[in-house]
Each structure stands twice: as structure tokens, then as C-alpha cells.
């Protein structure tokens, strides 16, 4: 049975994931106090995922103006996610959810993605400073980018609280 995705109003599941090989972890609960955007995506270096991250890198100043913390997450290994972050030029960490803990907690795993088991669905969550999900978007269509203007509006609303 596949879990339902986390929805607006839910407490955001905490997670601690590596941005690169090694013992250092990025932990959601340590970012409390300000808005956080969590972007799950299927696989690093695939076409649409690369477009998504490169688009964010090119438009980074608009995200910086919001004072938001942004993080990308995929089920790729930390070796892959750290290289993907470097090659896409993002100014935020891309975390490895290799063990599928965060993707499972957020209910965003495909049971089957073109024969691959346990790949993250493209999704976007805005978490407010208290740790509550203020915005949730999940798609079954891996070729669709998140609605970034809606995500920005949700971040702005959270920041005004």
C-alpha cells in the first residue's frame, strides 16, 4: 500500500539526509524559524530534473529575496546528488534520500517508475517556521515541473505570518 502524500496543515516529517558523502547531515528541524521549500525529484541528470534545478539556479535571486531555505531531494546516492548540485550550479543543497526515508515519510514514492522501484515523485512542499506544511504539490507526471509561482506565493504568505 502506498502512503498518501503529506498535505497542507500536516506537521512536516523531520529528516536528516546527506548533501554529500560523509557524516554531515542536513536536518529539516534545524531550519525551523523560517520558511523551507522541499523539492523532491525523480532522478539526478534526467532531462526534466536537470531543467528543474538549472531553472532554479538561473532564477535564484527571486528565491533569495524571499529569505527562504530551499533543498532538493532525490533517491540518488550522495555521490550523485553532490555532483548534480555542482553541475547544475544550484545555490542550495541537493540531498540523498538513498534509503527512501524522507520520500516515504512524505508519501511521494512511485511504486514503479519505468521498472525502477522507489523513485521520488516530483513534488514541492513549503514548510513554515513552526514545522507545519503550508503548501503541498505532488504530481504523478514526472515530466511536469512544479508550479514555481504558486510555491513562491506560498512562501510569501508564510513569511507574512
N, C-alpha and C. Protein backbone atom coordinates (compact mmCIF):
# COMPACT_ATOMS: atom_id res chain seq x y z
N UNK A 1 0.84 -1.19 0.00
CA UNK A 1 0.00 0.00 0.00
C UNK A 1 0.88 1.25 0.00
N UNK A 2 0.57 2.20 -0.86
CA UNK A 2 1.32 3.44 -0.97
C UNK A 2 0.69 4.48 -0.05
N UNK A 3 1.51 5.15 0.73
CA UNK A 3 1.03 6.17 1.66
C UNK A 3 0.56 7.40 0.90
N UNK A 4 -0.44 8.08 1.45
CA UNK A 4 -0.89 9.34 0.88
C UNK A 4 0.15 10.41 1.14
N UNK A 5 0.29 11.35 0.20
CA UNK A 5 1.26 12.42 0.41
C UNK A 5 0.88 13.32 1.58
N UNK A 6 1.89 13.90 2.18
CA UNK A 6 1.70 14.91 3.21
C UNK A 6 0.90 16.05 2.59
N UNK A 7 0.00 16.64 3.37
CA UNK A 7 -0.87 17.72 2.86
C UNK A 7 -0.68 18.99 3.67
N UNK A 8 -1.15 20.10 3.11
CA UNK A 8 -1.12 21.37 3.84
C UNK A 8 -1.85 21.20 5.16
N UNK A 9 -1.26 21.71 6.22
CA UNK A 9 -1.82 21.59 7.55
C UNK A 9 -1.20 20.48 8.37
N UNK A 10 -0.54 19.53 7.71
CA UNK A 10 0.15 18.44 8.41
C UNK A 10 1.45 18.94 9.01
N UNK A 11 1.90 18.28 10.06
CA UNK A 11 3.24 18.53 10.58
C UNK A 11 4.23 17.94 9.58
N UNK A 12 5.23 18.72 9.20
CA UNK A 12 6.22 18.25 8.24
C UNK A 12 7.09 17.18 8.88
N UNK A 13 7.16 15.98 8.30
CA UNK A 13 8.05 14.97 8.85
C UNK A 13 9.50 15.46 8.84
N UNK A 14 10.17 15.27 9.95
CA UNK A 14 11.58 15.67 10.03
C UNK A 14 12.42 14.64 9.28
N UNK A 15 13.57 15.05 8.82
CA UNK A 15 14.50 14.14 8.17
C UNK A 15 15.91 14.71 8.33
N UNK A 16 16.87 13.84 8.23
CA UNK A 16 18.29 14.19 8.25
C UNK A 16 18.96 13.41 7.13
N UNK A 17 19.39 14.12 6.09
CA UNK A 17 19.93 13.47 4.89
C UNK A 17 21.26 14.09 4.50
N UNK A 18 22.14 13.31 3.87
CA UNK A 18 23.44 13.84 3.47
C UNK A 18 23.39 14.63 2.16
N UNK A 19 24.07 15.77 2.14
CA UNK A 19 24.20 16.51 0.88
C UNK A 19 25.39 16.01 0.06
N UNK A 20 26.24 15.22 0.69
CA UNK A 20 27.44 14.71 0.04
C UNK A 20 27.90 13.47 0.82
N UNK A 21 28.81 12.69 0.25
CA UNK A 21 29.31 11.55 1.01
C UNK A 21 29.95 12.03 2.32
N UNK A 22 29.72 11.29 3.38
CA UNK A 22 30.32 11.66 4.66
C UNK A 22 29.28 11.74 5.76
N UNK A 23 29.73 12.11 6.95
CA UNK A 23 28.85 12.07 8.11
C UNK A 23 27.92 13.28 8.27
N UNK A 24 28.18 14.37 7.55
CA UNK A 24 27.37 15.58 7.73
C UNK A 24 25.98 15.38 7.15
N UNK A 25 24.97 15.79 7.93
CA UNK A 25 23.58 15.66 7.51
C UNK A 25 22.89 17.02 7.52
N UNK A 26 21.96 17.20 6.61
CA UNK A 26 21.10 18.38 6.57
C UNK A 26 19.80 17.95 7.23
N UNK A 27 19.39 18.67 8.28
CA UNK A 27 18.23 18.27 9.07
C UNK A 27 17.15 19.35 9.00
N UNK A 28 15.94 18.95 8.63
CA UNK A 28 14.84 19.90 8.50
C UNK A 28 14.57 20.64 9.80
N UNK A 29 14.51 19.94 10.92
CA UNK A 29 14.16 20.59 12.19
C UNK A 29 15.16 21.67 12.59
N UNK A 30 16.38 21.60 12.08
CA UNK A 30 17.39 22.63 12.38
C UNK A 30 17.12 23.92 11.59
N UNK A 31 16.22 23.88 10.64
CA UNK A 31 15.90 25.05 9.81
C UNK A 31 14.64 25.77 10.29
N UNK A 32 14.09 25.34 11.43
CA UNK A 32 12.88 25.98 11.97
C UNK A 32 13.11 27.46 12.19
N UNK A 33 12.05 28.22 12.06
CA UNK A 33 12.12 29.67 12.26
C UNK A 33 11.83 30.43 10.98
N UNK A 34 12.06 29.83 9.85
CA UNK A 34 11.78 30.48 8.57
C UNK A 34 11.23 29.47 7.60
N UNK A 35 10.71 29.94 6.48
CA UNK A 35 10.13 29.01 5.51
C UNK A 35 11.20 28.15 4.82
N UNK A 36 10.81 26.92 4.51
CA UNK A 36 11.66 25.97 3.80
C UNK A 36 10.88 25.42 2.63
N UNK A 37 11.50 25.37 1.47
CA UNK A 37 10.93 24.71 0.30
C UNK A 37 11.66 23.40 0.10
N UNK A 38 10.90 22.32 0.06
CA UNK A 38 11.45 20.98 -0.17
C UNK A 38 11.00 20.53 -1.55
N UNK A 39 11.96 20.22 -2.41
CA UNK A 39 11.66 19.79 -3.77
C UNK A 39 12.15 18.36 -3.97
N UNK A 40 11.23 17.41 -3.99
CA UNK A 40 11.58 16.03 -4.34
C UNK A 40 11.56 15.93 -5.86
N UNK A 41 12.51 15.19 -6.41
CA UNK A 41 12.52 14.96 -7.86
C UNK A 41 12.98 13.54 -8.13
N UNK A 42 12.59 12.97 -9.29
CA UNK A 42 12.86 11.55 -9.52
C UNK A 42 14.34 11.16 -9.55
N UNK A 43 15.08 11.67 -10.50
CA UNK A 43 16.46 11.20 -10.67
C UNK A 43 17.37 12.30 -11.20
N UNK A 44 18.50 12.46 -10.55
CA UNK A 44 19.50 13.42 -10.99
C UNK A 44 19.96 13.09 -12.41
N UNK A 45 20.28 14.13 -13.15
CA UNK A 45 20.81 14.04 -14.50
C UNK A 45 19.79 13.60 -15.54
N UNK A 46 18.54 13.37 -15.15
CA UNK A 46 17.50 13.12 -16.16
C UNK A 46 17.09 14.49 -16.71
N UNK A 47 16.49 14.51 -17.88
CA UNK A 47 16.22 15.76 -18.58
C UNK A 47 15.39 16.75 -17.80
N UNK A 48 14.21 16.35 -17.35
CA UNK A 48 13.31 17.29 -16.67
C UNK A 48 13.88 17.70 -15.31
N UNK A 49 14.51 16.78 -14.61
CA UNK A 49 15.09 17.11 -13.30
C UNK A 49 16.23 18.11 -13.47
N UNK A 50 17.04 17.94 -14.51
CA UNK A 50 18.11 18.89 -14.79
C UNK A 50 17.51 20.25 -15.13
N UNK A 51 16.46 20.27 -15.95
CA UNK A 51 15.79 21.53 -16.28
C UNK A 51 15.26 22.22 -15.02
N UNK A 52 14.68 21.43 -14.11
CA UNK A 52 14.13 21.99 -12.87
C UNK A 52 15.22 22.66 -12.04
N UNK A 53 16.32 21.95 -11.80
CA UNK A 53 17.37 22.50 -10.95
C UNK A 53 18.11 23.65 -11.64
N UNK A 54 18.38 23.53 -12.92
CA UNK A 54 19.05 24.62 -13.64
C UNK A 54 18.16 25.87 -13.68
N UNK A 55 16.85 25.67 -13.83
CA UNK A 55 15.92 26.79 -13.81
C UNK A 55 15.94 27.52 -12.47
N UNK A 56 16.01 26.76 -11.40
CA UNK A 56 16.10 27.38 -10.07
C UNK A 56 17.41 28.13 -9.92
N UNK A 57 18.50 27.55 -10.39
CA UNK A 57 19.81 28.20 -10.30
C UNK A 57 19.81 29.52 -11.07
N UNK A 58 19.20 29.52 -12.25
CA UNK A 58 19.17 30.73 -13.07
C UNK A 58 18.28 31.81 -12.48
N UNK A 59 17.29 31.41 -11.71
CA UNK A 59 16.31 32.33 -11.13
C UNK A 59 16.54 32.51 -9.61
N UNK A 60 17.73 32.19 -9.14
CA UNK A 60 17.99 32.13 -7.70
C UNK A 60 17.73 33.45 -6.99
N UNK A 61 17.99 34.57 -7.61
CA UNK A 61 17.81 35.87 -6.92
C UNK A 61 16.36 36.07 -6.47
N UNK A 62 15.41 35.56 -7.22
CA UNK A 62 14.00 35.69 -6.81
C UNK A 62 13.70 34.86 -5.57
N UNK A 63 14.39 33.75 -5.39
CA UNK A 63 14.21 32.92 -4.20
C UNK A 63 14.93 33.55 -3.01
N UNK A 64 16.12 34.08 -3.25
CA UNK A 64 16.88 34.75 -2.19
C UNK A 64 16.10 35.92 -1.59
N UNK A 65 15.42 36.67 -2.45
CA UNK A 65 14.63 37.82 -1.98
C UNK A 65 13.57 37.40 -0.96
N UNK A 66 13.11 36.17 -1.05
CA UNK A 66 12.07 35.67 -0.15
C UNK A 66 12.63 35.23 1.20
N UNK A 67 13.95 35.11 1.31
CA UNK A 67 14.55 34.66 2.56
C UNK A 67 14.19 33.22 2.90
N UNK A 68 14.04 32.41 1.89
CA UNK A 68 13.62 31.02 2.07
C UNK A 68 14.82 30.08 1.97
N UNK A 69 14.76 29.00 2.70
CA UNK A 69 15.72 27.91 2.56
C UNK A 69 15.13 26.92 1.56
N UNK A 70 15.92 26.55 0.57
CA UNK A 70 15.47 25.61 -0.45
C UNK A 70 16.36 24.38 -0.39
N UNK A 71 15.76 23.22 -0.57
CA UNK A 71 16.52 21.98 -0.61
C UNK A 71 15.90 21.05 -1.64
N UNK A 72 16.74 20.39 -2.42
CA UNK A 72 16.30 19.37 -3.36
C UNK A 72 16.58 18.00 -2.78
N UNK A 73 15.75 17.02 -3.13
CA UNK A 73 15.93 15.66 -2.61
C UNK A 73 15.64 14.66 -3.72
N UNK A 74 16.55 13.69 -3.89
CA UNK A 74 16.29 12.56 -4.78
C UNK A 74 16.80 11.28 -4.12
N UNK A 75 16.44 10.15 -4.68
CA UNK A 75 16.86 8.87 -4.13
C UNK A 75 18.24 8.45 -4.64
N UNK A 76 18.88 9.30 -5.39
CA UNK A 76 20.24 9.01 -5.86
C UNK A 76 21.21 8.97 -4.68
N UNK A 77 22.36 8.36 -4.88
CA UNK A 77 23.38 8.29 -3.82
C UNK A 77 23.94 9.68 -3.54
N UNK A 78 24.56 9.89 -2.38
CA UNK A 78 25.16 11.19 -2.08
C UNK A 78 26.29 11.56 -3.05
N UNK A 79 26.93 10.57 -3.66
CA UNK A 79 27.95 10.87 -4.66
C UNK A 79 27.31 11.54 -5.87
N UNK A 80 26.15 11.03 -6.25
CA UNK A 80 25.43 11.58 -7.41
C UNK A 80 24.82 12.94 -7.08
N UNK A 81 24.16 13.07 -5.93
CA UNK A 81 23.49 14.34 -5.61
C UNK A 81 24.49 15.48 -5.45
N UNK A 82 25.65 15.22 -4.86
CA UNK A 82 26.64 16.30 -4.71
C UNK A 82 27.19 16.72 -6.07
N UNK A 83 27.40 15.77 -6.95
CA UNK A 83 27.88 16.13 -8.29
C UNK A 83 26.79 16.85 -9.08
N UNK A 84 25.55 16.40 -8.94
CA UNK A 84 24.43 17.04 -9.62
C UNK A 84 24.29 18.50 -9.15
N UNK A 85 24.43 18.73 -7.86
CA UNK A 85 24.36 20.10 -7.32
C UNK A 85 25.45 20.97 -7.94
N UNK A 86 26.66 20.45 -8.01
CA UNK A 86 27.77 21.22 -8.61
C UNK A 86 27.51 21.50 -10.08
N UNK A 87 27.10 20.48 -10.82
CA UNK A 87 26.96 20.64 -12.26
C UNK A 87 25.76 21.48 -12.67
N UNK A 88 24.73 21.53 -11.83
CA UNK A 88 23.57 22.39 -12.15
C UNK A 88 23.77 23.80 -11.63
N UNK A 89 24.76 24.01 -10.76
CA UNK A 89 25.06 25.35 -10.25
C UNK A 89 24.07 25.87 -9.23
N UNK A 90 23.35 24.98 -8.56
CA UNK A 90 22.38 25.44 -7.57
C UNK A 90 23.09 26.01 -6.35
N UNK A 91 22.43 26.96 -5.70
CA UNK A 91 22.99 27.61 -4.51
C UNK A 91 22.42 26.99 -3.24
N UNK A 92 21.83 25.84 -3.37
CA UNK A 92 21.22 25.14 -2.23
C UNK A 92 21.61 23.68 -2.30
N UNK A 93 21.50 22.97 -1.17
CA UNK A 93 21.90 21.56 -1.18
C UNK A 93 20.89 20.66 -1.90
N UNK A 94 21.42 19.64 -2.52
CA UNK A 94 20.60 18.56 -3.05
C UNK A 94 20.97 17.33 -2.23
N UNK A 95 19.98 16.80 -1.54
CA UNK A 95 20.20 15.74 -0.57
C UNK A 95 19.92 14.37 -1.15
N UNK A 96 20.63 13.39 -0.61
CA UNK A 96 20.43 12.00 -0.99
C UNK A 96 19.46 11.33 -0.03
N UNK A 97 18.36 10.83 -0.58
CA UNK A 97 17.40 10.04 0.19
C UNK A 97 17.52 8.58 -0.28
N UNK A 98 18.75 8.12 -0.33
CA UNK A 98 19.05 6.80 -0.87
C UNK A 98 18.25 5.69 -0.18
N UNK A 99 18.01 5.84 1.10
CA UNK A 99 17.25 4.83 1.85
C UNK A 99 15.74 5.09 1.83
N UNK A 100 15.34 6.11 1.09
CA UNK A 100 13.92 6.43 0.86
C UNK A 100 13.15 6.80 2.14
N UNK A 101 13.83 7.25 3.16
CA UNK A 101 13.16 7.58 4.42
C UNK A 101 12.30 8.84 4.30
N UNK A 102 12.86 9.90 3.75
CA UNK A 102 12.09 11.15 3.61
C UNK A 102 10.98 10.99 2.57
N UNK A 103 11.30 10.37 1.44
CA UNK A 103 10.29 10.17 0.40
C UNK A 103 9.12 9.34 0.91
N UNK A 104 9.42 8.33 1.73
CA UNK A 104 8.37 7.52 2.32
C UNK A 104 7.55 8.33 3.32
N UNK A 105 8.22 9.08 4.18
CA UNK A 105 7.53 9.89 5.19
C UNK A 105 6.61 10.93 4.56
N UNK A 106 7.01 11.46 3.40
CA UNK A 106 6.20 12.47 2.71
C UNK A 106 5.19 11.84 1.75
N UNK A 107 5.23 10.52 1.60
CA UNK A 107 4.27 9.82 0.74
C UNK A 107 4.45 10.09 -0.73
N UNK A 108 5.71 10.25 -1.17
CA UNK A 108 5.97 10.65 -2.55
C UNK A 108 6.84 9.66 -3.31
N UNK A 109 6.62 8.37 -3.09
CA UNK A 109 7.36 7.35 -3.82
C UNK A 109 6.49 6.69 -4.87
N UNK A 110 7.03 6.56 -6.08
CA UNK A 110 6.39 5.73 -7.09
C UNK A 110 6.62 4.27 -6.71
N UNK A 111 5.59 3.44 -6.74
CA UNK A 111 5.85 2.02 -6.53
C UNK A 111 6.64 1.44 -7.71
N UNK A 112 6.43 2.02 -8.90
CA UNK A 112 7.14 1.58 -10.10
C UNK A 112 7.31 2.78 -11.02
N UNK A 113 8.54 3.09 -11.34
CA UNK A 113 8.86 4.22 -12.22
C UNK A 113 9.68 3.66 -13.38
N UNK A 114 9.00 3.25 -14.44
CA UNK A 114 9.63 2.65 -15.61
C UNK A 114 10.51 1.46 -15.22
N UNK A 115 9.98 0.65 -14.30
CA UNK A 115 10.69 -0.54 -13.87
C UNK A 115 11.59 -0.33 -12.66
N UNK A 116 11.77 0.90 -12.23
CA UNK A 116 12.57 1.20 -11.04
C UNK A 116 11.63 1.30 -9.84
N UNK A 117 12.00 0.68 -8.76
CA UNK A 117 11.17 0.67 -7.54
C UNK A 117 11.65 1.76 -6.58
N UNK A 118 10.70 2.54 -6.06
CA UNK A 118 11.04 3.51 -5.03
C UNK A 118 11.74 4.75 -5.50
N UNK A 119 11.24 5.38 -6.55
CA UNK A 119 11.77 6.65 -7.05
C UNK A 119 10.82 7.76 -6.58
N UNK A 120 11.38 8.89 -6.16
CA UNK A 120 10.54 10.00 -5.67
C UNK A 120 9.72 10.63 -6.78
N UNK A 121 8.49 10.96 -6.44
CA UNK A 121 7.64 11.73 -7.34
C UNK A 121 8.08 13.19 -7.29
N UNK A 122 7.94 13.87 -8.42
CA UNK A 122 8.24 15.30 -8.42
C UNK A 122 7.19 15.98 -7.53
N UNK A 123 7.67 16.70 -6.55
CA UNK A 123 6.77 17.33 -5.59
C UNK A 123 7.44 18.52 -4.94
N UNK A 124 6.60 19.40 -4.40
CA UNK A 124 7.08 20.61 -3.74
C UNK A 124 6.28 20.82 -2.47
N UNK A 125 6.98 21.12 -1.40
CA UNK A 125 6.36 21.40 -0.11
C UNK A 125 6.95 22.69 0.44
N UNK A 126 6.09 23.53 1.00
CA UNK A 126 6.54 24.71 1.74
C UNK A 126 6.23 24.44 3.20
N UNK A 127 7.25 24.53 4.02
CA UNK A 127 7.12 24.30 5.46
C UNK A 127 7.32 25.63 6.16
N UNK A 128 6.40 25.97 7.06
CA UNK A 128 6.54 27.25 7.77
C UNK A 128 7.55 27.12 8.90
N UNK A 129 7.82 28.23 9.57
CA UNK A 129 8.83 28.27 10.61
C UNK A 129 8.53 27.40 11.81
N UNK A 130 7.27 27.04 11.99
CA UNK A 130 6.87 26.17 13.11
C UNK A 130 6.92 24.69 12.74
N UNK A 131 7.18 24.39 11.47
CA UNK A 131 7.27 22.99 11.05
C UNK A 131 5.99 22.42 10.49
N UNK A 132 5.06 23.28 10.09
CA UNK A 132 3.80 22.82 9.50
C UNK A 132 3.86 23.00 7.99
N UNK A 133 3.33 22.04 7.27
CA UNK A 133 3.27 22.15 5.81
C UNK A 133 2.23 23.21 5.45
N UNK A 134 2.67 24.24 4.78
CA UNK A 134 1.78 25.33 4.36
C UNK A 134 1.30 25.14 2.93
N UNK A 135 2.04 24.37 2.14
CA UNK A 135 1.71 24.17 0.73
C UNK A 135 2.26 22.81 0.34
N UNK A 136 1.48 22.07 -0.42
CA UNK A 136 1.91 20.76 -0.91
C UNK A 136 1.46 20.58 -2.35
N UNK A 137 2.35 20.12 -3.19
CA UNK A 137 2.06 19.83 -4.59
C UNK A 137 2.80 18.55 -4.96
N UNK A 138 2.08 17.58 -5.47
CA UNK A 138 2.67 16.30 -5.88
C UNK A 138 2.06 15.93 -7.23
N UNK A 139 2.89 15.49 -8.16
CA UNK A 139 2.38 15.08 -9.47
C UNK A 139 2.75 13.63 -9.75
N UNK A 140 1.89 12.99 -10.49
CA UNK A 140 2.17 11.63 -10.98
C UNK A 140 2.93 11.70 -12.30
N UNK A 141 2.96 12.87 -12.93
CA UNK A 141 3.59 13.06 -14.24
C UNK A 141 4.99 13.63 -14.04
N UNK A 142 5.99 12.79 -14.17
CA UNK A 142 7.38 13.21 -13.93
C UNK A 142 7.87 14.26 -14.92
N UNK A 143 7.14 14.49 -15.99
CA UNK A 143 7.55 15.48 -16.99
C UNK A 143 7.02 16.88 -16.70
N UNK A 144 6.28 17.04 -15.60
CA UNK A 144 5.71 18.34 -15.25
C UNK A 144 6.55 18.98 -14.17
N UNK A 145 6.95 20.24 -14.40
CA UNK A 145 7.70 20.98 -13.38
C UNK A 145 6.76 21.51 -12.31
N UNK A 146 7.29 21.71 -11.11
CA UNK A 146 6.45 22.31 -10.06
C UNK A 146 5.96 23.70 -10.47
N UNK A 147 4.81 24.11 -9.96
CA UNK A 147 4.29 25.45 -10.25
C UNK A 147 5.03 26.48 -9.38
N UNK A 148 6.20 26.90 -9.84
CA UNK A 148 7.07 27.72 -9.00
C UNK A 148 6.46 29.04 -8.56
N UNK A 149 5.60 29.64 -9.38
CA UNK A 149 4.96 30.89 -8.94
C UNK A 149 4.04 30.62 -7.75
N UNK A 150 3.32 29.52 -7.77
CA UNK A 150 2.46 29.15 -6.63
C UNK A 150 3.31 28.85 -5.39
N UNK A 151 4.44 28.20 -5.58
CA UNK A 151 5.34 27.92 -4.46
C UNK A 151 5.85 29.23 -3.87
N UNK A 152 6.25 30.17 -4.73
CA UNK A 152 6.73 31.48 -4.24
C UNK A 152 5.63 32.21 -3.48
N UNK A 153 4.41 32.16 -4.00
CA UNK A 153 3.29 32.83 -3.29
C UNK A 153 3.09 32.20 -1.91
N UNK A 154 3.19 30.89 -1.83
CA UNK A 154 3.05 30.21 -0.54
C UNK A 154 4.16 30.62 0.42
N UNK A 155 5.38 30.76 -0.09
CA UNK A 155 6.49 31.20 0.75
C UNK A 155 6.23 32.62 1.25
N UNK A 156 5.78 33.50 0.35
CA UNK A 156 5.50 34.88 0.75
C UNK A 156 4.42 34.94 1.82
N UNK A 157 3.39 34.10 1.68
CA UNK A 157 2.31 34.06 2.70
C UNK A 157 2.84 33.59 4.04
N UNK A 158 3.70 32.58 4.02
CA UNK A 158 4.30 32.08 5.26
C UNK A 158 5.16 33.16 5.91
N UNK A 159 5.92 33.87 5.10
CA UNK A 159 6.81 34.90 5.63
C UNK A 159 6.04 36.05 6.26
N UNK A 160 4.81 36.30 5.81
CA UNK A 160 4.00 37.40 6.33
C UNK A 160 3.38 37.06 7.68
N UNK A 161 3.31 35.78 8.05
CA UNK A 161 2.68 35.37 9.31
C UNK A 161 3.48 35.84 10.51
